[in-house]
C-alpha atoms as a PDB file:
ATOM      1  CA  UNK A   1      90.444 101.119 113.440  1.00  0.00           C
ATOM      2  CA  UNK A   2      86.700  99.938 113.355  1.00  0.00           C
ATOM      3  CA  UNK A   3      86.011  96.716 113.859  1.00  0.00           C
ATOM      4  CA  UNK A   4      85.007  96.163 110.080  1.00  0.00           C
ATOM      5  CA  UNK A   5      88.378  97.065 109.270  1.00  0.00           C
ATOM      6  CA  UNK A   6      89.983  94.666 111.743  1.00  0.00           C
ATOM      7  CA  UNK A   7      87.934  91.706 110.376  1.00  0.00           C
ATOM      8  CA  UNK A   8      88.943  92.511 107.174  1.00  0.00           C
ATOM      9  CA  UNK A   9      92.782  92.788 108.077  1.00  0.00           C
ATOM     10  CA  UNK A  10      92.529  89.443 110.473  1.00  0.00           C
ATOM     11  CA  UNK A  11      90.795  87.980 106.709  1.00  0.00           C
ATOM     12  CA  UNK A  12      93.713  89.487 104.823  1.00  0.00           C
ATOM     13  CA  UNK A  13      96.949  89.475 107.049  1.00  0.00           C
ATOM     14  CA  UNK A  14      99.990  87.425 105.869  1.00  0.00           C
ATOM     15  CA  UNK A  15      98.353  86.619 102.067  1.00  0.00           C
ATOM     16  CA  UNK A  16     100.014  88.092  99.340  1.00  0.00           C
ATOM     17  CA  UNK A  17      98.572  90.851  97.161  1.00  0.00           C
ATOM     18  CA  UNK A  18      97.018  89.908  93.995  1.00  0.00           C
ATOM     19  CA  UNK A  19      97.530  92.611  90.998  1.00  0.00           C
ATOM     20  CA  UNK A  20      95.680  95.605  91.661  1.00  0.00           C
ATOM     21  CA  UNK A  21      93.091  96.085  89.560  1.00  0.00           C
ATOM     22  CA  UNK A  22      91.614  97.416  87.168  1.00  0.00           C
ATOM     23  CA  UNK A  23      92.050  94.173  85.101  1.00  0.00           C
ATOM     24  CA  UNK A  24      91.178  94.491  81.260  1.00  0.00           C
ATOM     25  CA  UNK A  25      90.348  91.275  79.079  1.00  0.00           C
ATOM     26  CA  UNK A  26      91.495  90.922  75.201  1.00  0.00           C
ATOM     27  CA  UNK A  27      90.828  87.743  73.590  1.00  0.00           C
ATOM     28  CA  UNK A  28      91.981  85.256  75.938  1.00  0.00           C
ATOM     29  CA  UNK A  29      94.274  87.488  78.039  1.00  0.00           C
ATOM     30  CA  UNK A  30      93.248  88.947  80.931  1.00  0.00           C
ATOM     31  CA  UNK A  31      95.964  91.738  82.038  1.00  0.00           C
ATOM     32  CA  UNK A  32      96.370  95.244  83.817  1.00  0.00           C
ATOM     33  CA  UNK A  33      96.820  97.963  81.519  1.00  0.00           C
ATOM     34  CA  UNK A  34      98.876 100.014  84.411  1.00  0.00           C
ATOM     35  CA  UNK A  35     101.081  97.280  85.768  1.00  0.00           C
ATOM     36  CA  UNK A  36     104.478  96.709  85.195  1.00  0.00           C
ATOM     37  CA  UNK A  37     103.881  92.712  85.177  1.00  0.00           C
ATOM     38  CA  UNK A  38     102.879  90.108  82.666  1.00  0.00           C
ATOM     39  CA  UNK A  39      99.777  88.781  81.921  1.00  0.00           C
ATOM     40  CA  UNK A  40      97.188  87.760  84.758  1.00  0.00           C
ATOM     41  CA  UNK A  41      95.800  84.807  83.027  1.00  0.00           C
ATOM     42  CA  UNK A  42      95.320  82.898  79.813  1.00  0.00           C
ATOM     43  CA  UNK A  43      92.056  81.430  79.601  1.00  0.00           C
ATOM     44  CA  UNK A  44      92.057  77.852  78.195  1.00  0.00           C
ATOM     45  CA  UNK A  45      88.999  77.371  78.676  1.00  0.00           C
ATOM     46  CA  UNK A  46      86.787  75.296  75.868  1.00  0.00           C
ATOM     47  CA  UNK A  47      83.268  75.211  76.897  1.00  0.00           C
ATOM     48  CA  UNK A  48      82.200  73.209  73.728  1.00  0.00           C
ATOM     49  CA  UNK A  49      83.614  69.989  71.955  1.00  0.00           C
ATOM     50  CA  UNK A  50      83.495  71.221  68.449  1.00  0.00           C
ATOM     51  CA  UNK A  51      86.212  73.016  66.855  1.00  0.00           C
ATOM     52  CA  UNK A  52      85.220  76.773  67.837  1.00  0.00           C
ATOM     53  CA  UNK A  53      87.269  78.915  68.464  1.00  0.00           C
ATOM     54  CA  UNK A  54      88.147  80.773  71.327  1.00  0.00           C
ATOM     55  CA  UNK A  55      86.418  84.356  70.014  1.00  0.00           C
ATOM     56  CA  UNK A  56      83.311  82.341  69.018  1.00  0.00           C
ATOM     57  CA  UNK A  57      83.272  80.256  72.914  1.00  0.00           C
ATOM     58  CA  UNK A  58      80.666  82.123  74.834  1.00  0.00           C
ATOM     59  CA  UNK A  59      81.282  80.406  78.056  1.00  0.00           C
ATOM     60  CA  UNK A  60      84.990  80.936  77.711  1.00  0.00           C
ATOM     61  CA  UNK A  61      84.250  84.821  77.269  1.00  0.00           C
ATOM     62  CA  UNK A  62      81.974  85.129  80.021  1.00  0.00           C
ATOM     63  CA  UNK A  63      84.792  83.348  82.381  1.00  0.00           C
ATOM     64  CA  UNK A  64      87.275  85.535  81.096  1.00  0.00           C
ATOM     65  CA  UNK A  65      84.935  88.384  81.946  1.00  0.00           C
ATOM     66  CA  UNK A  66      84.244  87.236  85.449  1.00  0.00           C
ATOM     67  CA  UNK A  67      88.255  86.889  86.000  1.00  0.00           C
ATOM     68  CA  UNK A  68      88.806  90.214  85.372  1.00  0.00           C
ATOM     69  CA  UNK A  69      86.108  91.575  87.318  1.00  0.00           C
ATOM     70  CA  UNK A  70      88.136  89.567  90.269  1.00  0.00           C
ATOM     71  CA  UNK A  71      89.733  92.610  92.068  1.00  0.00           C
ATOM     72  CA  UNK A  72      86.684  94.715  91.825  1.00  0.00           C
ATOM     73  CA  UNK A  73      84.170  92.343  93.715  1.00  0.00           C
ATOM     74  CA  UNK A  74      86.417  91.909  96.222  1.00  0.00           C
ATOM     75  CA  UNK A  75      86.240  95.309  96.947  1.00  0.00           C
ATOM     76  CA  UNK A  76      82.553  95.073  96.809  1.00  0.00           C
ATOM     77  CA  UNK A  77      82.698  92.586  99.226  1.00  0.00           C
ATOM     78  CA  UNK A  78      84.796  94.493 101.360  1.00  0.00           C
ATOM     79  CA  UNK A  79      82.806  97.928 101.272  1.00  0.00           C
ATOM     80  CA  UNK A  80      79.488  95.814 101.811  1.00  0.00           C
ATOM     81  CA  UNK A  81      81.041  93.580 104.495  1.00  0.00           C
ATOM     82  CA  UNK A  82      81.887  97.014 106.537  1.00  0.00           C
ATOM     83  CA  UNK A  83      78.591  98.778 105.751  1.00  0.00           C
ATOM     84  CA  UNK A  84      76.644  95.342 106.936  1.00  0.00           C
ATOM     85  CA  UNK A  85      78.188  95.663 110.363  1.00  0.00           C
ATOM     86  CA  UNK A  86      77.558  98.816 110.642  1.00  0.00           C
ATOM     87  CA  UNK A  87      73.839  98.216 109.556  1.00  0.00           C
ATOM     88  CA  UNK A  88      73.884  95.405 112.249  1.00  0.00           C
ATOM     89  CA  UNK A  89      75.073  98.009 115.228  1.00  0.00           C
ATOM     90  CA  UNK A  90      72.636 100.301 114.351  1.00  0.00           C
ATOM     91  CA  UNK A  91      69.546  98.340 114.348  1.00  0.00           C
ATOM     92  CA  UNK A  92      67.073  99.469 116.702  1.00  0.00           C
ATOM     93  CA  UNK A  93      64.464  97.067 118.211  1.00  0.00           C
ATOM     94  CA  UNK A  94      65.649  93.985 115.478  1.00  0.00           C
ATOM     95  CA  UNK A  95      63.470  91.001 114.977  1.00  0.00           C
ATOM     96  CA  UNK A  96      65.257  87.843 115.463  1.00  0.00           C
ATOM     97  CA  UNK A  97      64.403  86.726 111.386  1.00  0.00           C
ATOM     98  CA  UNK A  98      66.453  90.470 110.666  1.00  0.00           C
ATOM     99  CA  UNK A  99      69.481  89.845 112.933  1.00  0.00           C
ATOM    100  CA  UNK A 100      69.380  86.069 111.179  1.00  0.00           C
ATOM    101  CA  UNK A 101      69.648  87.911 107.576  1.00  0.00           C
ATOM    102  CA  UNK A 102      72.521  90.520 108.250  1.00  0.00           C
ATOM    103  CA  UNK A 103      74.303  87.631 109.724  1.00  0.00           C
ATOM    104  CA  UNK A 104      74.166  85.225 106.992  1.00  0.00           C
ATOM    105  CA  UNK A 105      74.879  88.166 104.896  1.00  0.00           C
ATOM    106  CA  UNK A 106      78.196  88.565 107.296  1.00  0.00           C
ATOM    107  CA  UNK A 107      79.330  85.135 107.212  1.00  0.00           C
ATOM    108  CA  UNK A 108      79.147  85.140 103.188  1.00  0.00           C
ATOM    109  CA  UNK A 109      81.074  88.211 102.500  1.00  0.00           C
ATOM    110  CA  UNK A 110      83.681  87.046 104.997  1.00  0.00           C
ATOM    111  CA  UNK A 111      83.967  84.201 103.385  1.00  0.00           C
ATOM    112  CA  UNK A 112      84.236  85.332  99.641  1.00  0.00           C
ATOM    113  CA  UNK A 113      86.615  87.656 100.782  1.00  0.00           C
ATOM    114  CA  UNK A 114      88.671  84.685 102.723  1.00  0.00           C
ATOM    115  CA  UNK A 115      88.299  82.748  99.343  1.00  0.00           C
ATOM    116  CA  UNK A 116      89.386  85.431  97.026  1.00  0.00           C
ATOM    117  CA  UNK A 117      92.624  85.734  99.432  1.00  0.00           C
ATOM    118  CA  UNK A 118      93.494  82.075  99.844  1.00  0.00           C
ATOM    119  CA  UNK A 119      92.531  81.778 103.485  1.00  0.00           C
ATOM    120  CA  UNK A 120      89.511  79.418 102.664  1.00  0.00           C
ATOM    121  CA  UNK A 121      89.448  76.996  99.777  1.00  0.00           C
END
């Protein structure tokens, strides 16, 4: 097991798993068409104070799309963390600025994964 995989496992151990992707959006409902479970989320978001319906609420629809993208975004963070850790380990004569930038990316990705898994609030 790679060091990157150990870090990901430590961030996510003993955390309940989410409904696997892909997640889809229809109207206000976020769901997995392949899962044997009910809907993942029903969005009650109203971004406007007038009487627009959800189908006219662009911010609410954007929120639903972002929620539906969550499994893909989490996987992208995991892959990016593995890549960034490998990059850090293979840098030849890195400048202090390069090391700082890579470390910032690693911290950001770890925090995003931990937040998605409920470890970091």
